[in-house]
Amino acid sequence: MAGDTDFDLAEIYDELLNGVHTSGVLETWDIMPHIDLSREWWNQDANVMFRIGDQQYAAVGDFNLSMYSKSYLYFVNKDLYKSIGFDDNLYELVKSGKWTKDKLLEIAKQGAKDIDGDGKMGDDDQYGLAETTKIHYQMLITGAGYKFVDIGKDGMPYFAVPGNEKMLSMMQELLGDHADTSWYYRESTPMGGVPDAIWEKGRTLFVSSTMWNTEKYRDYNFDIGMIPAPKYDEAQDRYYSITIGGMVTVIPKSIRLDSLDNIGILLEALAADSHYNTLPVYKEVTLQSKYARDEGSAEMVDIIFSSQVYDLGVTIWTNVRSTYMEGVFHKLNDTLVSKTESLSKSIEKSIQKTIDALEK
């Protein structure tokens, strides 16, 4: 991957004639000259997650802008936050590394209020957090540094929940954190869209959403801030922001091998140019100037984008995510262990099936 000196087109042609490159539909990036995936214009977590065994099957460059627009984050109603009288500066909490899961929940719980005074929480009351199950819990799990499907030391993907006591404990903790539902507004459908109605009314402090929705919120009549998914605790060394639904780049087997030089040069140049020119425009003009209401949000956007990670359990083997979100977190069922056990065999089988297909 380092440069064209590592590749011999004549050898690749010989391999083609001998059938090495003729099966399957995806070519690996490892044959591409002029590509250096270690550079800052390529997403490093994507390099890890889409390298199966010793073959790189996909890559994400800064020209893949959809991976940025599909970043998960929390929007905050800054006017409501100020009116409640919180002392913490949210942006400073993030920058100082003190933006944690417990801090988010502490603030959100204080933000709830029974406005109509009927003794129960309804659509006309105020909430600390409005959430879609698939986004909110996914952000907290990823934010703590965990993945449903990860890449092992052997370079192969595996179902990462079974036997991971720390992850199971953290997920169990989330169930306890949300046992009292009076402070957060849940969408009725666990895998549905963002709860915009309660957010548009200015009746929630936080809403879990994607960067894609930033444009939709620009005309709301209250100031909006943006913050990343929190860490699990302050000891965690960095933030992790999940990105889901964006495009990745693959190399089709139909590619003409005598075009590798040109394609490699163009892809590397496109990624580099996007890093220095397109991405800054996307951030600074589209997000930071036009939509974000303050300078602090612009810095938060940088943190969200620089902490992007992928989870194969929500991008390839999506039934992992949906099983947990629909069967456990949305219903607040204490069935983590049984769900994990029931998933284990089918997910491992599905993973192996994909590995076998790729290895062909």
Protein backbone atom coordinates (compact mmCIF):
# COMPACT_ATOMS: atom_id res chain seq x y z
CA MET A 1 0.00 0.00 0.00
CA ALA A 2 2.96 2.30 0.38
CA GLY A 3 3.69 3.03 -3.26
CA ASP A 4 4.13 1.80 -6.79
CA THR A 5 7.55 0.21 -6.10
CA ASP A 6 5.78 -2.59 -4.21
CA PHE A 7 3.86 -3.74 -7.28
CA ASP A 8 4.77 -5.50 -10.49
CA LEU A 9 2.05 -5.28 -13.15
CA ALA A 10 3.58 -8.17 -15.08
CA GLU A 11 3.24 -10.42 -12.02
CA ILE A 12 -0.37 -9.30 -11.57
CA TYR A 13 -1.11 -10.18 -15.19
CA ASP A 14 0.43 -13.64 -14.62
CA GLU A 15 -1.78 -14.09 -11.57
CA LEU A 16 -4.80 -13.06 -13.62
CA LEU A 17 -3.99 -15.65 -16.28
CA ASN A 18 -3.56 -18.30 -13.58
CA GLY A 19 -6.98 -17.51 -12.13
CA VAL A 20 -5.84 -15.80 -8.92
CA HIS A 21 -7.88 -12.65 -9.55
CA THR A 22 -10.79 -14.06 -11.52
CA SER A 23 -13.21 -15.27 -8.82
CA GLY A 24 -15.51 -13.14 -6.70
CA VAL A 25 -16.63 -9.58 -7.31
CA LEU A 26 -14.24 -7.50 -5.17
CA GLU A 27 -10.59 -6.81 -5.82
CA THR A 28 -8.38 -6.04 -2.83
CA TRP A 29 -6.78 -2.67 -2.31
CA ASP A 30 -3.44 -4.37 -1.72
CA ILE A 31 -2.75 -4.56 -5.47
CA MET A 32 -3.33 -0.82 -5.93
CA PRO A 33 -0.17 1.20 -6.64
CA HIS A 34 0.30 4.74 -5.33
CA ILE A 35 -2.18 4.28 -2.47
CA ASP A 36 -0.97 4.95 1.08
CA LEU A 37 -3.85 4.17 3.43
CA SER A 38 -1.81 5.31 6.43
CA ARG A 39 -2.16 8.94 5.35
CA GLU A 40 -4.49 11.32 7.15
CA TRP A 41 -6.96 11.50 4.25
CA TRP A 42 -7.93 7.84 4.76
CA ASN A 43 -10.04 6.76 7.73
CA GLN A 44 -7.80 4.62 9.93
CA ASP A 45 -10.56 2.74 11.72
CA ALA A 46 -12.05 1.80 8.34
CA ASN A 47 -8.63 0.41 7.39
CA VAL A 48 -8.80 -1.92 10.36
CA MET A 49 -12.47 -2.89 10.11
CA PHE A 50 -12.47 -3.60 6.37
CA ARG A 51 -9.23 -5.56 6.34
CA ILE A 52 -10.27 -9.19 6.56
CA GLY A 53 -7.34 -11.51 7.18
CA ASP A 54 -4.53 -9.96 5.18
CA GLN A 55 -6.71 -8.42 2.47
CA GLN A 56 -8.05 -4.85 2.36
CA TYR A 57 -11.55 -5.08 0.86
CA ALA A 58 -12.76 -1.48 1.35
CA ALA A 59 -11.42 1.93 2.27
CA VAL A 60 -12.88 5.29 3.22
CA GLY A 61 -11.26 8.48 1.99
CA ASP A 62 -12.16 12.09 2.67
CA PHE A 63 -14.02 12.15 -0.64
CA ASN A 64 -16.57 9.85 1.03
CA LEU A 65 -18.40 12.83 2.53
CA SER A 66 -21.41 10.70 3.40
CA MET A 67 -19.43 9.12 6.23
CA TYR A 68 -19.26 12.58 7.80
CA SER A 69 -22.92 13.43 7.24
CA LYS A 70 -23.88 10.09 8.80
CA SER A 71 -21.93 10.75 12.00
CA TYR A 72 -23.99 10.27 15.17
CA LEU A 73 -24.04 13.10 17.70
CA TYR A 74 -26.15 14.88 20.30
CA PHE A 75 -27.76 18.21 19.48
CA VAL A 76 -28.41 20.44 22.48
CA ASN A 77 -31.03 23.16 22.91
CA LYS A 78 -28.71 25.85 24.21
CA ASP A 79 -31.52 28.24 25.14
CA LEU A 80 -33.19 25.62 27.30
CA TYR A 81 -29.84 24.63 28.79
CA LYS A 82 -29.20 28.24 29.85
CA SER A 83 -32.72 28.77 31.17
CA ILE A 84 -32.39 25.76 33.47
CA GLY A 85 -29.23 27.34 34.90
CA PHE A 86 -26.61 24.65 34.49
CA ASP A 87 -23.13 25.70 35.59
CA ASP A 88 -21.23 23.36 33.26
CA ASN A 89 -20.03 24.61 29.90
CA LEU A 90 -20.71 21.62 27.67
CA TYR A 91 -17.99 22.44 25.16
CA GLU A 92 -15.41 22.80 27.92
CA LEU A 93 -16.52 19.46 29.37
CA VAL A 94 -15.87 17.85 25.99
CA LYS A 95 -12.48 19.52 25.48
CA SER A 96 -11.32 18.71 29.01
CA GLY A 97 -12.24 15.03 28.61
CA LYS A 98 -14.92 15.24 31.28
CA TRP A 99 -17.87 14.64 28.95
CA THR A 100 -18.92 11.18 30.13
CA LYS A 101 -21.96 8.92 30.02
CA ASP A 102 -22.82 9.73 33.64
CA LYS A 103 -22.50 13.48 33.04
CA LEU A 104 -24.88 13.29 30.07
CA LEU A 105 -27.47 11.37 32.08
CA GLU A 106 -27.04 13.64 35.11
CA ILE A 107 -27.77 16.75 33.06
CA ALA A 108 -30.56 15.11 31.06
CA LYS A 109 -32.38 13.96 34.19
CA GLN A 110 -32.27 17.48 35.61
CA GLY A 111 -33.68 18.84 32.38
CA ALA A 112 -37.02 16.99 32.65
CA LYS A 113 -40.09 18.88 33.89
CA ASP A 114 -43.80 18.15 34.24
CA ILE A 115 -44.92 21.42 32.63
CA ASP A 116 -48.68 20.84 32.65
CA GLY A 117 -48.58 19.61 36.24
CA ASP A 118 -50.74 16.55 35.67
CA GLY A 119 -48.32 14.27 37.47
CA LYS A 120 -47.28 12.32 34.37
CA MET A 121 -45.01 12.94 31.41
CA GLY A 122 -46.66 13.54 28.04
CA ASP A 123 -46.07 15.28 24.73
CA ASP A 124 -46.57 18.72 26.30
CA ASP A 125 -43.94 18.24 28.99
CA GLN A 126 -40.20 18.90 28.95
CA TYR A 127 -37.61 16.15 28.63
CA GLY A 128 -33.91 15.90 29.19
CA LEU A 129 -33.40 13.70 26.17
CA ALA A 130 -35.43 12.67 23.13
CA GLU A 131 -34.06 9.56 21.57
CA THR A 132 -34.42 6.94 18.93
CA THR A 133 -33.27 3.70 20.53
CA LYS A 134 -31.03 2.70 17.64
CA ILE A 135 -29.11 5.99 17.80
CA HIS A 136 -28.96 6.84 21.50
CA TYR A 137 -27.84 3.46 22.87
CA GLN A 138 -25.56 2.87 19.90
CA MET A 139 -23.82 6.16 20.64
CA LEU A 140 -23.29 5.25 24.29
CA ILE A 141 -22.00 1.74 23.51
CA THR A 142 -19.66 2.96 20.78
CA GLY A 143 -18.70 6.00 22.85
CA ALA A 144 -17.46 3.63 25.55
CA GLY A 145 -15.13 2.02 22.99
CA TYR A 146 -17.10 -1.18 22.35
CA LYS A 147 -18.17 -2.82 19.08
CA PHE A 148 -20.70 -5.56 18.43
CA VAL A 149 -18.49 -7.10 15.73
CA ASP A 150 -14.78 -6.35 15.85
CA ILE A 151 -11.55 -7.50 14.22
CA GLY A 152 -9.50 -9.94 16.28
CA LYS A 153 -5.75 -10.31 16.64
CA ASP A 154 -5.86 -12.89 13.85
CA GLY A 155 -7.25 -10.26 11.49
CA MET A 156 -10.68 -11.88 11.33
CA PRO A 157 -14.07 -10.41 12.33
CA TYR A 158 -15.80 -11.92 15.32
CA PHE A 159 -18.91 -11.42 17.48
CA ALA A 160 -17.36 -9.32 20.24
CA VAL A 161 -20.09 -9.45 22.91
CA PRO A 162 -19.94 -13.06 24.18
CA GLY A 163 -17.39 -13.40 26.97
CA ASN A 164 -16.72 -9.65 27.07
CA GLU A 165 -17.68 -9.08 30.69
CA LYS A 166 -16.80 -5.38 30.63
CA MET A 167 -19.03 -4.73 27.62
CA LEU A 168 -21.89 -6.80 29.04
CA SER A 169 -21.55 -5.00 32.36
CA MET A 170 -21.65 -1.62 30.63
CA MET A 171 -24.73 -2.60 28.61
CA GLN A 172 -26.39 -3.88 31.78
CA GLU A 173 -25.55 -0.56 33.41
CA LEU A 174 -27.34 1.27 30.59
CA LEU A 175 -30.51 -0.67 31.34
CA GLY A 176 -30.32 0.47 34.94
CA ASP A 177 -29.57 4.05 33.93
CA HIS A 178 -32.74 4.19 31.85
CA ALA A 179 -35.08 2.26 34.15
CA ASP A 180 -36.78 5.54 35.07
CA THR A 181 -38.27 6.72 31.77
CA SER A 182 -39.71 9.99 33.09
CA TRP A 183 -36.79 12.08 31.90
CA TYR A 184 -36.45 10.90 28.32
CA TYR A 185 -38.84 10.83 25.41
CA ARG A 186 -38.74 7.59 23.44
CA GLU A 187 -39.91 7.04 19.90
CA SER A 188 -42.49 4.25 19.70
CA THR A 189 -40.49 2.47 16.99
CA PRO A 190 -37.01 1.42 18.20
CA MET A 191 -35.40 1.52 14.76
CA GLY A 192 -37.38 4.53 13.52
CA GLY A 193 -36.39 8.10 12.75
CA VAL A 194 -35.30 10.99 14.94
CA PRO A 195 -38.01 12.30 17.35
CA ASP A 196 -38.19 15.70 15.65
CA ALA A 197 -41.62 16.73 16.92
CA ILE A 198 -40.64 17.10 20.58
CA TRP A 199 -37.28 18.59 19.53
CA GLU A 200 -38.83 21.19 17.21
CA LYS A 201 -41.14 22.32 20.01
CA GLY A 202 -38.09 23.11 22.14
CA ARG A 203 -39.28 20.61 24.73
CA THR A 204 -36.10 18.56 25.09
CA LEU A 205 -32.59 19.42 26.17
CA PHE A 206 -30.80 16.83 24.02
CA VAL A 207 -31.73 14.88 20.93
CA SER A 208 -29.70 12.01 19.50
CA SER A 209 -29.37 12.40 15.76
CA THR A 210 -27.00 12.43 12.78
CA MET A 211 -25.05 15.25 11.20
CA TRP A 212 -27.31 14.73 8.18
CA ASN A 213 -30.13 16.51 10.04
CA THR A 214 -28.17 19.70 10.70
CA GLU A 215 -29.72 21.50 7.74
CA LYS A 216 -33.22 20.58 8.89
CA TYR A 217 -32.63 22.28 12.24
CA ARG A 218 -31.15 25.56 11.01
CA ASP A 219 -34.49 27.46 11.03
CA TYR A 220 -35.56 26.41 14.52
CA ASN A 221 -36.21 29.37 16.82
CA PHE A 222 -33.67 28.38 19.46
CA ASP A 223 -29.88 28.16 19.51
CA ILE A 224 -28.49 24.71 18.82
CA GLY A 225 -25.15 23.22 19.85
CA MET A 226 -23.51 19.95 18.79
CA ILE A 227 -21.54 17.56 20.98
CA PRO A 228 -20.07 14.08 20.48
CA ALA A 229 -21.08 10.85 22.12
CA PRO A 230 -19.67 10.86 25.65
CA LYS A 231 -16.86 8.67 26.92
CA TYR A 232 -17.76 5.96 29.40
CA ASP A 233 -15.64 7.65 32.07
CA GLU A 234 -12.81 10.19 32.37
CA ALA A 235 -10.17 7.45 32.35
CA GLN A 236 -11.00 6.70 28.71
CA ASP A 237 -8.30 8.18 26.50
CA ARG A 238 -10.46 9.45 23.62
CA TYR A 239 -13.95 9.91 22.19
CA TYR A 240 -15.52 7.45 19.75
CA SER A 241 -18.18 8.60 17.29
CA ILE A 242 -20.02 5.94 15.31
CA THR A 243 -20.75 6.58 11.64
CA ILE A 244 -23.45 4.48 9.99
CA GLY A 245 -24.93 4.49 6.52
CA GLY A 246 -22.20 6.36 4.68
CA MET A 247 -20.49 5.11 1.54
CA VAL A 248 -17.26 3.11 1.46
CA THR A 249 -15.08 2.56 -1.59
CA VAL A 250 -14.44 -0.88 -3.08
CA ILE A 251 -12.50 -2.06 -6.12
CA PRO A 252 -14.53 -4.25 -8.52
CA LYS A 253 -12.95 -7.36 -10.04
CA SER A 254 -13.98 -6.03 -13.45
CA ILE A 255 -11.26 -3.38 -13.22
CA ARG A 256 -8.72 -3.40 -16.06
CA LEU A 257 -5.39 -4.28 -14.49
CA ASP A 258 -3.54 -2.09 -16.98
CA SER A 259 -5.47 0.85 -15.47
CA LEU A 260 -4.17 0.30 -11.92
CA ASP A 261 -1.53 3.02 -12.14
CA ASN A 262 -3.99 5.68 -13.24
CA ILE A 263 -6.69 4.60 -10.80
CA GLY A 264 -4.28 4.48 -7.87
CA ILE A 265 -2.93 7.95 -8.65
CA LEU A 266 -6.43 9.39 -9.04
CA LEU A 267 -7.82 7.85 -5.84
CA GLU A 268 -4.88 9.01 -3.73
CA ALA A 269 -5.02 12.49 -5.28
CA LEU A 270 -8.80 12.68 -4.82
CA ALA A 271 -8.55 11.70 -1.14
CA ALA A 272 -5.71 14.15 -0.48
CA ASP A 273 -7.38 17.01 -2.33
CA SER A 274 -10.65 16.35 -0.52
CA HIS A 275 -8.79 16.47 2.80
CA TYR A 276 -7.27 19.86 2.11
CA ASN A 277 -10.04 21.47 0.04
CA THR A 278 -13.44 19.75 -0.04
CA LEU A 279 -13.69 18.66 3.60
CA PRO A 280 -12.74 22.08 5.05
CA VAL A 281 -15.41 23.70 2.88
CA TYR A 282 -17.94 21.08 3.97
CA LYS A 283 -17.13 21.72 7.64
CA GLU A 284 -16.47 25.43 7.74
CA VAL A 285 -19.05 26.71 5.28
CA THR A 286 -21.85 24.15 5.27
CA LEU A 287 -21.78 23.12 8.94
CA GLN A 288 -19.85 25.64 10.96
CA SER A 289 -20.94 28.89 9.34
CA LYS A 290 -24.33 28.26 7.76
CA TYR A 291 -25.94 25.92 10.26
CA ALA A 292 -24.03 25.88 13.55
CA ARG A 293 -24.99 28.84 15.71
CA ASP A 294 -21.68 29.42 17.50
CA GLU A 295 -17.91 28.99 17.21
CA GLY A 296 -17.86 26.29 19.85
CA SER A 297 -19.99 23.98 17.74
CA ALA A 298 -17.41 24.23 14.96
CA GLU A 299 -14.78 22.81 17.28
CA MET A 300 -17.17 20.06 18.33
CA VAL A 301 -17.65 19.11 14.68
CA ASP A 302 -13.90 18.63 14.37
CA ILE A 303 -13.88 16.36 17.41
CA ILE A 304 -16.82 14.32 16.12
CA PHE A 305 -15.25 13.86 12.69
CA SER A 306 -11.79 13.03 14.01
CA SER A 307 -13.16 10.35 16.35
CA GLN A 308 -15.15 8.42 13.73
CA VAL A 309 -15.26 4.63 13.98
CA TYR A 310 -17.09 1.75 12.29
CA ASP A 311 -18.82 -1.31 13.74
CA LEU A 312 -19.38 -4.29 11.45
CA GLY A 313 -22.27 -5.31 13.69
CA VAL A 314 -24.25 -2.31 12.46
CA THR A 315 -22.93 -2.02 8.90
CA ILE A 316 -22.67 -5.61 7.63
CA TRP A 317 -24.24 -7.96 10.18
CA THR A 318 -27.04 -5.55 11.05
CA ASN A 319 -29.17 -8.13 12.85
CA VAL A 320 -26.74 -7.84 15.77
CA ARG A 321 -27.65 -4.21 16.35
CA SER A 322 -31.37 -4.62 15.69
CA THR A 323 -31.66 -7.61 18.04
CA TYR A 324 -30.18 -5.68 20.95
CA MET A 325 -32.00 -2.42 20.20
CA GLU A 326 -35.43 -3.93 19.60
CA GLY A 327 -35.34 -6.81 22.05
CA VAL A 328 -33.37 -5.37 24.95
CA PHE A 329 -32.89 -1.60 25.08
CA HIS A 330 -36.16 -0.34 23.66
CA LYS A 331 -38.21 -2.64 25.87
CA LEU A 332 -35.73 -2.30 28.76
CA ASN A 333 -35.74 -6.08 29.06
CA ASP A 334 -33.09 -7.65 31.25
CA THR A 335 -32.29 -10.26 28.60
CA LEU A 336 -28.74 -9.33 27.62
CA VAL A 337 -27.23 -12.71 28.39
CA SER A 338 -29.98 -14.76 26.73
CA LYS A 339 -30.03 -12.50 23.63
CA THR A 340 -26.27 -12.79 23.34
CA GLU A 341 -26.40 -16.57 23.63
CA SER A 342 -29.20 -16.84 21.06
CA LEU A 343 -27.31 -14.63 18.61
CA SER A 344 -23.89 -16.18 19.03
CA LYS A 345 -24.15 -19.25 16.81
CA SER A 346 -26.05 -17.56 13.96
CA ILE A 347 -23.77 -14.51 13.91
CA GLU A 348 -20.58 -16.55 13.93
CA LYS A 349 -21.99 -18.68 11.11
CA SER A 350 -22.91 -15.58 9.12
CA ILE A 351 -19.46 -14.07 9.69
CA GLN A 352 -17.76 -17.26 8.55
CA LYS A 353 -19.96 -17.39 5.45
CA THR A 354 -18.82 -13.89 4.51
CA ILE A 355 -15.17 -14.75 5.18
CA ASP A 356 -15.45 -17.83 2.98
CA ALA A 357 -17.00 -15.79 0.19
CA LEU A 358 -14.26 -13.17 0.38
CA GLU A 359 -11.48 -15.75 0.48
CA LYS A 360 -12.77 -17.27 -2.77
